[in-house]
Amino acid sequence: MGELTDKLAAAGNKLAGNAKEAIGKATNNPELEAEGKAQQLKGTGQDIAGSVKGAMGDKI
């Protein structure tokens, strides 16, 4: 995937993860809250990967 694709996927995962975490907190569901946090971390990783690809000119 290219830089833009990674960054778009990252934004989606961060948004969905944030929503899951909020719903988990609101409904006292620790599993959903943890799932949301994990999805946000996945998004952060994708964001970093996109930044690296951008810096390297999508050669990786």
C-alpha atoms as a PDB file:
ATOM      1  CA  MET A   1       0.000   0.000   0.000  1.00  0.00           C
ATOM      2  CA  GLY A   2       1.100   3.545  -0.618  1.00  0.00           C
ATOM      3  CA  GLU A   3       1.413   6.429   1.770  1.00  0.00           C
ATOM      4  CA  LEU A   4      -2.083   7.807   1.152  1.00  0.00           C
ATOM      5  CA  THR A   5      -3.718   4.401   1.418  1.00  0.00           C
ATOM      6  CA  ASP A   6      -1.977   3.717   4.728  1.00  0.00           C
ATOM      7  CA  LYS A   7      -2.949   7.091   6.121  1.00  0.00           C
ATOM      8  CA  LEU A   8      -6.599   6.659   5.075  1.00  0.00           C
ATOM      9  CA  ALA A   9      -6.734   3.199   6.657  1.00  0.00           C
ATOM     10  CA  ALA A  10      -5.110   4.651   9.774  1.00  0.00           C
ATOM     11  CA  ALA A  11      -7.717   7.383  10.033  1.00  0.00           C
ATOM     12  CA  GLY A  12     -10.524   4.841   9.672  1.00  0.00           C
ATOM     13  CA  ASN A  13      -9.091   2.570  12.342  1.00  0.00           C
ATOM     14  CA  LYS A  14      -8.495   5.449  14.731  1.00  0.00           C
ATOM     15  CA  LEU A  15     -12.047   6.728  14.253  1.00  0.00           C
ATOM     16  CA  ALA A  16     -13.657   3.300  14.630  1.00  0.00           C
ATOM     17  CA  GLY A  17     -11.457   2.471  17.602  1.00  0.00           C
ATOM     18  CA  ASN A  18     -12.323   5.718  19.313  1.00  0.00           C
ATOM     19  CA  ALA A  19     -16.040   5.021  18.831  1.00  0.00           C
ATOM     20  CA  LYS A  20     -15.711   1.469  20.168  1.00  0.00           C
ATOM     21  CA  GLU A  21     -13.778   2.684  23.188  1.00  0.00           C
ATOM     22  CA  ALA A  22     -16.397   5.351  23.955  1.00  0.00           C
ATOM     23  CA  ILE A  23     -19.273   2.899  23.572  1.00  0.00           C
ATOM     24  CA  GLY A  24     -17.433   0.384  25.745  1.00  0.00           C
ATOM     25  CA  LYS A  25     -16.993   2.978  28.481  1.00  0.00           C
ATOM     26  CA  ALA A  26     -20.603   4.152  28.224  1.00  0.00           C
ATOM     27  CA  THR A  27     -22.009   0.633  28.418  1.00  0.00           C
ATOM     28  CA  ASN A  28     -19.510  -0.637  30.985  1.00  0.00           C
ATOM     29  CA  ASN A  29     -18.144  -3.156  28.478  1.00  0.00           C
ATOM     30  CA  PRO A  30     -14.386  -3.539  29.131  1.00  0.00           C
ATOM     31  CA  GLU A  31     -13.938  -5.957  26.201  1.00  0.00           C
ATOM     32  CA  LEU A  32     -15.307  -3.447  23.684  1.00  0.00           C
ATOM     33  CA  GLU A  33     -13.285  -0.675  25.292  1.00  0.00           C
ATOM     34  CA  ALA A  34     -10.094  -2.741  24.971  1.00  0.00           C
ATOM     35  CA  GLU A  35     -10.947  -3.642  21.375  1.00  0.00           C
ATOM     36  CA  GLY A  36     -11.309   0.057  20.602  1.00  0.00           C
ATOM     37  CA  LYS A  37      -7.944   0.875  22.160  1.00  0.00           C
ATOM     38  CA  ALA A  38      -6.297  -1.924  20.163  1.00  0.00           C
ATOM     39  CA  GLN A  39      -7.861  -0.672  16.937  1.00  0.00           C
ATOM     40  CA  GLN A  40      -6.580   2.834  17.645  1.00  0.00           C
ATOM     41  CA  LEU A  41      -3.071   1.424  18.128  1.00  0.00           C
ATOM     42  CA  LYS A  42      -3.385  -0.381  14.809  1.00  0.00           C
ATOM     43  CA  GLY A  43      -4.310   2.937  13.214  1.00  0.00           C
ATOM     44  CA  THR A  44      -1.294   4.612  14.777  1.00  0.00           C
ATOM     45  CA  GLY A  45       0.946   1.891  13.332  1.00  0.00           C
ATOM     46  CA  GLN A  46      -0.556   2.359   9.896  1.00  0.00           C
ATOM     47  CA  ASP A  47      -0.056   6.100  10.178  1.00  0.00           C
ATOM     48  CA  ILE A  48       3.617   5.609  11.008  1.00  0.00           C
ATOM     49  CA  ALA A  49       4.018   3.180   8.111  1.00  0.00           C
ATOM     50  CA  GLY A  50       2.463   5.725   5.764  1.00  0.00           C
ATOM     51  CA  SER A  51       4.814   8.430   6.986  1.00  0.00           C
ATOM     52  CA  VAL A  52       7.827   6.181   6.451  1.00  0.00           C
ATOM     53  CA  LYS A  53       6.660   5.320   2.955  1.00  0.00           C
ATOM     54  CA  GLY A  54       6.173   9.000   2.223  1.00  0.00           C
ATOM     55  CA  ALA A  55       9.679   9.812   3.409  1.00  0.00           C
ATOM     56  CA  MET A  56      11.140   6.998   1.316  1.00  0.00           C
ATOM     57  CA  GLY A  57       9.111   7.743  -1.786  1.00  0.00           C
ATOM     58  CA  ASP A  58       6.932   4.598  -1.630  1.00  0.00           C
ATOM     59  CA  LYS A  59       9.981   2.412  -2.392  1.00  0.00           C
ATOM     60  CA  ILE A  60       9.208   0.025   0.449  1.00  0.00           C
END
